[in-house]
Amino acid sequence: MNYRNPTQLQAAILDWAGTVVDFGSFAPTQIFVEAFAEFDVQVSIEEARGPMGMGKWDHIRTLCDQPAITERYRKAFGRAPSDEDVTAIYERFMPLQIEKIAEHSALIPGALETITALRQQGLKIGSCSGYPARVMEKVVALAARNGYVADHVVATDEVPNGRPWPAQALANVIALGIDDVAACVKVDDTVPGILEGRRAGMWTVALVCSGNALGLTYEQYRDLDRATLDAERQRIHALFAGSRPHYLIDTLNDLPQVIVDINKRLAKGEMPQGN
């Protein structure tokens, strides 16, 4: 048997918050702030957004390791936060997240139509998230009520290592029956999510305006003047630079034209690992 490069995409592996639902990725960020506040430790929305895309326990651990937050915790408790302290915050975070996830469950405008168009092109729709399974169960149910059902879903605690490791993306490849990772495109609004796709050997597409990096509601995004939006795009492009996404687009609705371009590149023998 001889290896042959794939000549067209077979699957899109989509993130959830900030990609398909919850424009601006507000559901997780606000709950981090509230969970820390219950331990008398103040964390700003901007700080909470920093590690977005990681599994939630790892996200909290990363926040606790930031010197400014470590010092606030030390003032409150007389010590730096241990893994046991991180777990305590995580266990408070979880019920808050489940309770309030519905407040930010709306599909991103145009996403359902875009995903329908992708399916009409023959793509399977995989998905993964930094949410654990018990949160994803509710996220998936709410999305289904709005008409979106992915072909497969992988939560962060359903694999040995979540993002930025490649396990969730690769679990989708296995479940969807994809024959080559280069026939997949990973779409995400966070650096850990793009690293996940890169490490899985996939094409990667970073979302600039619908997710965590811009952090605005859809209405606020639409109200930005041209100069401000251009400046924000430049800032966010720089944030993603180290993760080396193959493409950067504003929202999921720009993905179909990227799919066309990737298929042209595959047909010419280009592979994601070489770019």
Foldseek 3Di string as FASTA:
>chain_A
DDDDFDLAAAAEAEEADLAWWQFLRPLLLVLLQVLVVVLVQGDDSVLLLVVAFAAQLVSLVVSLPPVVRQVSNCVSPVHRDDSVNSVVSVVSSVVSSQVCVLVTQGTDPPNLVLVVVVVVVNYAYHYEGSYAPVSVVVSQVSVVVVPDHHPYYDYQVNDPGRFLAQVRVVVRCVVVVPDDQQSYEYEEQDLRSLSNSVNSQYQYEHAQRRYNQPSDDPVVSVPDDPVVNVVSSVVSCVVNVVSDHPYYDHHSNPVVVVSVVSSVCSNVVDTSNVD
